[in-house]
Amino acid sequence: MCNYRKYIYLCNHTVLSPSPVQTCQEQKGHESGENSEACTAVETHPRNNLKVAKLCDACQKRKDTIDKQFASIKERLGVLRSVLEKGHDQCKEHLDEAGVETEKKKKPQVTPERLDEIINKLTSVEKFLKTKMDEEHAHMMMLSDYAKPEEIRSSVLEMDEHNELGESMDTGEE
């Protein structure tokens, strides 16, 4: 059993080296002419494994193809969005010409009082997480994804200021 080097890619696919790193006695005997048959057993050892910091060729081709498809779809969606916006604007113009009042898009307003009211209605899970974050060893727990109420308040007020300045924030409402 000859030892071969194994290459392990990021996608966890593996490839063996074409020639053995270390030949066995059977293969050495075949090379010297003592044995008539060559060694056909392939073996790997962890010390001969190498991690390759890239995808294998097949996975890289597939990724490139998918990335191209996504880019094409994004481009098509952008074109469709512009066509829809143009049609929407034309409809609004026709309604204005006809004297029909169009709906104006309302910006969500969150006042500091309303924000305090929302934060005070924390669920039991959020209260539990808040108490856990205040514990001595909270830095060792994976709770950093959960924001503290002060951070929530500042981020919502910041978003509200952006809306007042006329910057568009896509809320998914049309």
Protein backbone atom coordinates (compact mmCIF):
# COMPACT_ATOMS: atom_id res chain seq x y z
CA MET A 1 0.00 0.00 0.00
CA CYS A 2 1.70 3.14 -1.23
CA ASN A 3 1.06 6.42 0.56
CA TYR A 4 -0.31 9.21 -1.60
CA ARG A 5 -0.72 12.90 -0.83
CA LYS A 6 -4.34 14.05 -0.54
CA TYR A 7 -5.33 17.61 -1.45
CA ILE A 8 -8.45 18.86 0.35
CA TYR A 9 -10.19 21.86 -1.22
CA LEU A 10 -12.49 24.41 0.48
CA CYS A 11 -15.50 22.58 -0.94
CA ASN A 12 -14.25 19.41 0.84
CA HIS A 13 -13.58 17.63 -2.44
CA THR A 14 -10.32 15.72 -2.46
CA VAL A 15 -7.74 14.78 -5.09
CA LEU A 16 -4.86 12.35 -4.74
CA SER A 17 -1.39 13.07 -6.06
CA PRO A 18 -0.52 11.27 -9.31
CA SER A 19 2.54 9.59 -7.81
CA PRO A 20 3.02 8.15 -4.33
CA VAL A 21 4.84 10.06 -1.64
CA GLN A 22 6.19 6.81 -0.22
CA THR A 23 6.28 3.48 -2.05
CA CYS A 24 5.61 0.20 -0.29
CA GLN A 25 7.77 -2.95 -0.38
CA GLU A 26 5.58 -4.57 -3.05
CA GLN A 27 6.03 -1.57 -5.39
CA LYS A 28 9.78 -1.41 -4.70
CA GLY A 29 9.97 -5.13 -5.56
CA HIS A 30 8.09 -4.50 -8.80
CA GLU A 31 10.41 -1.63 -9.75
CA SER A 32 13.51 -3.77 -9.06
CA GLY A 33 12.06 -6.70 -11.06
CA GLU A 34 11.48 -9.06 -8.14
CA ASN A 35 7.66 -8.91 -8.36
CA SER A 36 5.66 -9.22 -11.55
CA GLU A 37 2.70 -7.12 -10.36
CA ALA A 38 2.74 -3.46 -9.34
CA CYS A 39 1.07 -2.24 -6.15
CA THR A 40 -2.51 -1.15 -6.79
CA ALA A 41 -3.51 -0.29 -3.22
CA VAL A 42 -3.81 3.42 -2.51
CA GLU A 43 -3.48 4.73 1.03
CA THR A 44 -3.37 8.21 2.51
CA HIS A 45 -2.12 9.42 5.85
CA PRO A 46 -3.09 12.65 7.65
CA ARG A 47 0.51 13.83 7.67
CA ASN A 48 0.42 13.88 3.86
CA ASN A 49 -2.86 15.81 3.59
CA LEU A 50 -2.70 19.36 2.27
CA LYS A 51 -5.53 21.89 2.52
CA VAL A 52 -5.91 24.03 -0.58
CA ALA A 53 -7.44 27.46 0.05
CA LYS A 54 -9.65 27.48 -3.05
CA LEU A 55 -12.52 25.58 -4.61
CA CYS A 56 -11.86 22.60 -6.84
CA ASP A 57 -12.10 23.24 -10.60
CA ALA A 58 -15.61 21.78 -10.95
CA CYS A 59 -17.00 23.79 -8.01
CA GLN A 60 -15.28 26.97 -9.21
CA LYS A 61 -16.83 26.59 -12.68
CA ARG A 62 -20.25 25.99 -11.12
CA LYS A 63 -19.81 29.05 -8.84
CA ASP A 64 -18.76 31.23 -11.78
CA THR A 65 -21.79 30.08 -13.78
CA ILE A 66 -24.17 30.81 -10.90
CA ASP A 67 -22.55 34.22 -10.30
CA LYS A 68 -23.03 35.11 -13.98
CA GLN A 69 -26.66 34.00 -13.81
CA PHE A 70 -27.25 36.10 -10.68
CA ALA A 71 -25.65 39.14 -12.31
CA SER A 72 -27.86 38.68 -15.38
CA ILE A 73 -30.98 38.32 -13.23
CA LYS A 74 -30.09 41.41 -11.19
CA GLU A 75 -29.62 43.39 -14.38
CA ARG A 76 -32.98 42.19 -15.77
CA LEU A 77 -34.72 43.00 -12.48
CA GLY A 78 -33.24 46.51 -12.60
CA VAL A 79 -34.59 47.01 -16.11
CA LEU A 80 -38.01 45.68 -15.09
CA ARG A 81 -38.06 47.92 -12.03
CA SER A 82 -37.32 50.99 -14.14
CA VAL A 83 -40.08 50.02 -16.61
CA LEU A 84 -42.55 49.58 -13.73
CA GLU A 85 -41.56 52.90 -12.17
CA LYS A 86 -41.98 54.63 -15.52
CA GLY A 87 -45.44 53.06 -15.94
CA HIS A 88 -46.37 54.05 -12.39
CA ASP A 89 -45.29 57.63 -13.04
CA GLN A 90 -47.36 57.72 -16.24
CA CYS A 91 -50.42 56.44 -14.34
CA LYS A 92 -49.94 59.15 -11.72
CA GLU A 93 -49.71 61.77 -14.49
CA HIS A 94 -52.95 60.54 -16.06
CA LEU A 95 -54.71 60.61 -12.70
CA ASP A 96 -53.44 64.14 -12.06
CA GLU A 97 -54.68 65.23 -15.50
CA ALA A 98 -58.08 63.72 -14.73
CA GLY A 99 -58.21 65.59 -11.43
CA VAL A 100 -58.12 62.45 -9.27
CA GLU A 101 -56.02 62.80 -6.16
CA THR A 102 -53.24 60.20 -5.94
CA GLU A 103 -52.13 58.55 -2.74
CA LYS A 104 -49.01 59.96 -1.22
CA LYS A 105 -46.51 57.58 0.27
CA LYS A 106 -46.55 57.92 4.02
CA LYS A 107 -43.26 57.80 5.84
CA PRO A 108 -43.35 55.82 9.04
CA GLN A 109 -42.86 58.17 11.97
CA VAL A 110 -41.55 56.84 15.23
CA THR A 111 -41.56 59.31 18.06
CA PRO A 112 -39.27 58.86 21.08
CA GLU A 113 -42.35 58.31 23.28
CA ARG A 114 -43.68 55.59 20.99
CA LEU A 115 -40.21 54.04 20.86
CA ASP A 116 -40.04 53.92 24.67
CA GLU A 117 -43.46 52.27 24.70
CA ILE A 118 -42.29 49.63 22.21
CA ILE A 119 -39.09 48.93 24.13
CA ASN A 120 -40.98 48.60 27.41
CA LYS A 121 -43.06 45.81 25.87
CA LEU A 122 -40.09 43.45 25.61
CA THR A 123 -41.03 39.80 25.42
CA SER A 124 -39.92 37.38 28.08
CA VAL A 125 -37.17 36.08 25.80
CA GLU A 126 -35.79 39.58 25.27
CA LYS A 127 -35.91 40.24 29.02
CA PHE A 128 -34.06 36.98 29.61
CA LEU A 129 -31.41 37.93 27.05
CA LYS A 130 -31.07 41.39 28.59
CA THR A 131 -30.46 39.89 32.06
CA LYS A 132 -27.99 37.41 30.59
CA MET A 133 -26.07 40.23 28.86
CA ASP A 134 -25.71 42.01 32.18
CA GLU A 135 -24.17 38.98 33.88
CA GLU A 136 -20.48 38.80 34.72
CA HIS A 137 -19.54 36.22 32.08
CA ALA A 138 -21.85 37.48 29.33
CA HIS A 139 -18.85 38.14 27.08
CA MET A 140 -18.34 34.38 26.88
CA MET A 141 -21.87 33.77 25.60
CA MET A 142 -22.94 34.28 22.02
CA LEU A 143 -25.40 37.07 22.80
CA SER A 144 -23.67 39.84 20.91
CA ASP A 145 -26.19 39.58 18.05
CA TYR A 146 -28.91 40.94 20.30
CA ALA A 147 -28.82 44.72 20.60
CA LYS A 148 -29.46 46.56 23.84
CA PRO A 149 -32.52 48.86 24.01
CA GLU A 150 -30.32 51.97 23.89
CA GLU A 151 -28.81 50.77 20.61
CA ILE A 152 -32.27 50.05 19.20
CA ARG A 153 -33.50 53.51 20.18
CA SER A 154 -30.52 55.29 18.59
CA SER A 155 -30.70 53.29 15.36
CA VAL A 156 -34.46 53.88 14.95
CA LEU A 157 -34.10 57.59 15.63
CA GLU A 158 -31.22 57.72 13.16
CA MET A 159 -33.39 56.03 10.50
CA ASP A 160 -36.18 58.50 11.25
CA GLU A 161 -33.77 61.44 10.77
CA HIS A 162 -32.73 60.02 7.39
CA ASN A 163 -36.41 59.87 6.37
CA GLU A 164 -36.96 63.48 7.42
CA LEU A 165 -33.97 64.58 5.36
CA GLY A 166 -35.62 63.10 2.29
CA GLU A 167 -33.31 60.13 1.93
CA SER A 168 -35.20 57.13 0.63
CA MET A 169 -35.32 54.01 2.68
CA ASP A 170 -36.81 50.99 0.91
CA THR A 171 -39.47 49.59 3.23
CA GLY A 172 -41.03 47.32 0.62
CA GLU A 173 -44.19 49.46 0.48
CA GLU A 174 -45.25 51.04 -2.77
